[in-house]
């Protein structure tokens, strides 16, 4: 998922993206914490760094339900 700088409405889209990814991976138990961290990271990048944000999801340990969503 790509978010253009200054698009603060896209923070909600990033949360929706993370929810859909975790549902697909059956890892909803991680949802609240992951959405909070992702919202903060995307908001900080958009406001303070004033940069575009690329969000990628990766399932780290399928047997343990570990997932990572990277915002850069």
N, C-alpha and C. Protein backbone atom coordinates (compact mmCIF):
# COMPACT_ATOMS: atom_id res chain seq x y z
N UNK A 1 0.85 -1.16 0.00
CA UNK A 1 0.00 0.00 0.00
C UNK A 1 0.90 1.22 0.00
N UNK A 2 0.55 2.21 -0.78
CA UNK A 2 1.33 3.44 -0.89
C UNK A 2 0.49 4.61 -0.41
N UNK A 3 1.08 5.47 0.42
CA UNK A 3 0.39 6.65 0.94
C UNK A 3 1.20 7.87 0.53
N UNK A 4 0.56 8.83 -0.13
CA UNK A 4 1.26 10.04 -0.53
C UNK A 4 1.38 11.01 0.64
N UNK A 5 2.47 11.74 0.67
CA UNK A 5 2.68 12.71 1.74
C UNK A 5 1.51 13.69 1.81
N UNK A 6 1.24 14.16 2.98
CA UNK A 6 0.17 15.11 3.30
C UNK A 6 -1.23 14.51 3.22
N UNK A 7 -1.36 13.22 2.90
CA UNK A 7 -2.68 12.59 2.81
C UNK A 7 -3.05 11.95 4.14
N UNK A 8 -3.47 12.77 5.09
CA UNK A 8 -3.79 12.27 6.43
C UNK A 8 -5.01 11.37 6.44
N UNK A 9 -5.88 11.48 5.44
CA UNK A 9 -7.03 10.58 5.34
C UNK A 9 -6.58 9.14 5.11
N UNK A 10 -5.39 8.97 4.58
CA UNK A 10 -4.87 7.63 4.27
C UNK A 10 -4.49 6.85 5.52
N UNK A 11 -4.40 7.51 6.67
CA UNK A 11 -4.09 6.79 7.91
C UNK A 11 -5.20 5.77 8.19
N UNK A 12 -6.44 6.16 7.97
CA UNK A 12 -7.56 5.23 8.14
C UNK A 12 -7.46 4.08 7.13
N UNK A 13 -7.04 4.39 5.92
CA UNK A 13 -6.86 3.34 4.91
C UNK A 13 -5.77 2.37 5.32
N UNK A 14 -4.72 2.87 5.96
CA UNK A 14 -3.63 2.00 6.43
C UNK A 14 -4.14 1.06 7.52
N UNK A 15 -4.99 1.58 8.41
CA UNK A 15 -5.58 0.71 9.45
C UNK A 15 -6.46 -0.36 8.81
N UNK A 16 -7.24 0.03 7.82
CA UNK A 16 -8.11 -0.93 7.12
C UNK A 16 -7.26 -2.00 6.43
N UNK A 17 -6.19 -1.57 5.79
CA UNK A 17 -5.27 -2.50 5.13
C UNK A 17 -4.72 -3.53 6.12
N UNK A 18 -4.27 -3.05 7.29
CA UNK A 18 -3.71 -3.97 8.28
C UNK A 18 -4.77 -4.94 8.79
N UNK A 19 -6.00 -4.47 8.95
CA UNK A 19 -7.09 -5.33 9.40
C UNK A 19 -7.35 -6.44 8.38
N UNK A 20 -7.38 -6.09 7.11
CA UNK A 20 -7.64 -7.08 6.06
C UNK A 20 -6.50 -8.10 5.97
N UNK A 21 -5.27 -7.63 6.10
CA UNK A 21 -4.12 -8.53 6.04
C UNK A 21 -4.16 -9.52 7.20
N UNK A 22 -4.39 -9.02 8.41
CA UNK A 22 -4.40 -9.92 9.57
C UNK A 22 -5.58 -10.87 9.54
N UNK A 23 -6.72 -10.46 9.00
CA UNK A 23 -7.85 -11.38 8.85
C UNK A 23 -7.48 -12.50 7.88
N UNK A 24 -6.84 -12.14 6.79
CA UNK A 24 -6.43 -13.13 5.80
C UNK A 24 -5.46 -14.14 6.41
N UNK A 25 -4.61 -13.67 7.31
CA UNK A 25 -3.62 -14.54 7.96
C UNK A 25 -4.15 -15.19 9.23
N UNK A 26 -5.40 -14.90 9.56
CA UNK A 26 -6.03 -15.43 10.79
C UNK A 26 -5.20 -15.07 12.04
N UNK A 27 -4.79 -13.82 12.08
CA UNK A 27 -3.99 -13.32 13.20
C UNK A 27 -4.63 -12.09 13.82
N UNK A 28 -5.96 -12.10 13.94
CA UNK A 28 -6.68 -10.94 14.45
C UNK A 28 -6.29 -10.57 15.88
N UNK A 29 -5.71 -11.52 16.62
CA UNK A 29 -5.29 -11.24 17.99
C UNK A 29 -4.26 -10.11 18.03
N UNK A 30 -3.55 -9.89 16.95
CA UNK A 30 -2.53 -8.85 16.88
C UNK A 30 -3.10 -7.50 16.43
N UNK A 31 -4.36 -7.47 16.07
CA UNK A 31 -4.93 -6.32 15.37
C UNK A 31 -4.83 -5.01 16.13
N UNK A 32 -5.28 -4.95 17.37
CA UNK A 32 -5.31 -3.68 18.10
C UNK A 32 -3.92 -3.07 18.22
N UNK A 33 -2.97 -3.86 18.66
CA UNK A 33 -1.61 -3.35 18.84
C UNK A 33 -0.99 -2.93 17.51
N UNK A 34 -1.17 -3.75 16.48
CA UNK A 34 -0.58 -3.45 15.20
C UNK A 34 -1.19 -2.20 14.57
N UNK A 35 -2.50 -2.04 14.69
CA UNK A 35 -3.14 -0.85 14.12
C UNK A 35 -2.68 0.42 14.84
N UNK A 36 -2.50 0.35 16.14
CA UNK A 36 -2.02 1.52 16.87
C UNK A 36 -0.61 1.89 16.41
N UNK A 37 0.27 0.91 16.33
CA UNK A 37 1.66 1.18 15.92
C UNK A 37 1.71 1.70 14.48
N UNK A 38 0.93 1.08 13.59
CA UNK A 38 0.93 1.50 12.20
C UNK A 38 0.38 2.91 12.04
N UNK A 39 -0.70 3.22 12.75
CA UNK A 39 -1.28 4.57 12.70
C UNK A 39 -0.27 5.61 13.14
N UNK A 40 0.44 5.33 14.22
CA UNK A 40 1.45 6.26 14.72
C UNK A 40 2.59 6.43 13.72
N UNK A 41 3.08 5.33 13.18
CA UNK A 41 4.20 5.40 12.23
C UNK A 41 3.83 6.16 10.97
N UNK A 42 2.65 5.88 10.42
CA UNK A 42 2.21 6.56 9.20
C UNK A 42 1.95 8.04 9.48
N UNK A 43 1.28 8.35 10.57
CA UNK A 43 1.00 9.75 10.91
C UNK A 43 2.30 10.52 11.11
N UNK A 44 3.25 9.94 11.84
CA UNK A 44 4.53 10.62 12.06
C UNK A 44 5.27 10.86 10.75
N UNK A 45 5.27 9.87 9.87
CA UNK A 45 5.95 10.04 8.58
C UNK A 45 5.29 11.15 7.76
N UNK A 46 3.97 11.17 7.76
CA UNK A 46 3.26 12.17 6.95
C UNK A 46 3.41 13.58 7.52
N UNK A 47 3.35 13.71 8.83
CA UNK A 47 3.37 15.04 9.44
C UNK A 47 4.79 15.55 9.68
N UNK A 48 5.61 14.75 10.33
CA UNK A 48 6.92 15.23 10.76
C UNK A 48 8.00 15.08 9.70
N UNK A 49 8.03 13.94 9.03
CA UNK A 49 9.05 13.73 8.00
C UNK A 49 8.60 14.28 6.65
N UNK A 50 7.30 14.48 6.50
CA UNK A 50 6.71 14.99 5.25
C UNK A 50 7.17 14.17 4.04
N UNK A 51 6.99 12.84 4.16
CA UNK A 51 7.40 11.93 3.09
C UNK A 51 6.25 11.02 2.70
N UNK A 52 6.38 10.41 1.53
CA UNK A 52 5.46 9.35 1.13
C UNK A 52 5.74 8.13 2.00
N UNK A 53 4.75 7.26 2.13
CA UNK A 53 4.91 6.07 2.96
C UNK A 53 4.53 4.83 2.15
N UNK A 54 5.40 3.84 2.19
CA UNK A 54 5.14 2.55 1.55
C UNK A 54 4.92 1.54 2.67
N UNK A 55 3.77 0.86 2.65
CA UNK A 55 3.42 -0.09 3.70
C UNK A 55 3.44 -1.50 3.11
N UNK A 56 4.19 -2.39 3.76
CA UNK A 56 4.29 -3.78 3.30
C UNK A 56 4.01 -4.71 4.46
N UNK A 57 3.35 -5.80 4.18
CA UNK A 57 3.02 -6.79 5.20
C UNK A 57 3.79 -8.08 4.93
N UNK A 58 4.21 -8.72 6.03
CA UNK A 58 4.94 -9.98 5.91
C UNK A 58 4.55 -10.89 7.07
N UNK A 59 4.23 -12.12 6.75
CA UNK A 59 3.90 -13.12 7.76
C UNK A 59 5.20 -13.77 8.19
N UNK A 60 5.64 -13.50 9.41
CA UNK A 60 6.97 -13.93 9.85
C UNK A 60 7.02 -15.39 10.29
N UNK A 61 6.14 -15.76 11.20
CA UNK A 61 6.16 -17.11 11.76
C UNK A 61 4.74 -17.68 11.75
N UNK A 62 4.37 -18.34 10.66
CA UNK A 62 3.00 -18.84 10.54
C UNK A 62 2.55 -19.69 11.72
N UNK A 63 3.43 -20.49 12.27
CA UNK A 63 3.04 -21.38 13.38
C UNK A 63 2.83 -20.63 14.69
N UNK A 64 3.42 -19.43 14.80
CA UNK A 64 3.33 -18.67 16.03
C UNK A 64 2.45 -17.44 15.90
N UNK A 65 1.89 -17.21 14.72
CA UNK A 65 1.03 -16.06 14.51
C UNK A 65 1.76 -14.73 14.55
N UNK A 66 3.02 -14.69 14.16
CA UNK A 66 3.79 -13.46 14.18
C UNK A 66 3.71 -12.80 12.80
N UNK A 67 3.42 -11.51 12.81
CA UNK A 67 3.31 -10.76 11.56
C UNK A 67 4.04 -9.44 11.72
N UNK A 68 4.45 -8.88 10.60
CA UNK A 68 5.09 -7.56 10.62
C UNK A 68 4.48 -6.72 9.50
N UNK A 69 4.20 -5.50 9.82
CA UNK A 69 3.80 -4.55 8.79
C UNK A 69 4.80 -3.41 8.87
N UNK A 70 5.49 -3.18 7.78
CA UNK A 70 6.59 -2.24 7.72
C UNK A 70 6.13 -0.98 6.98
N UNK A 71 6.35 0.18 7.59
CA UNK A 71 6.05 1.45 6.94
C UNK A 71 7.36 2.17 6.73
N UNK A 72 7.65 2.51 5.48
CA UNK A 72 8.89 3.24 5.19
C UNK A 72 8.63 4.35 4.18
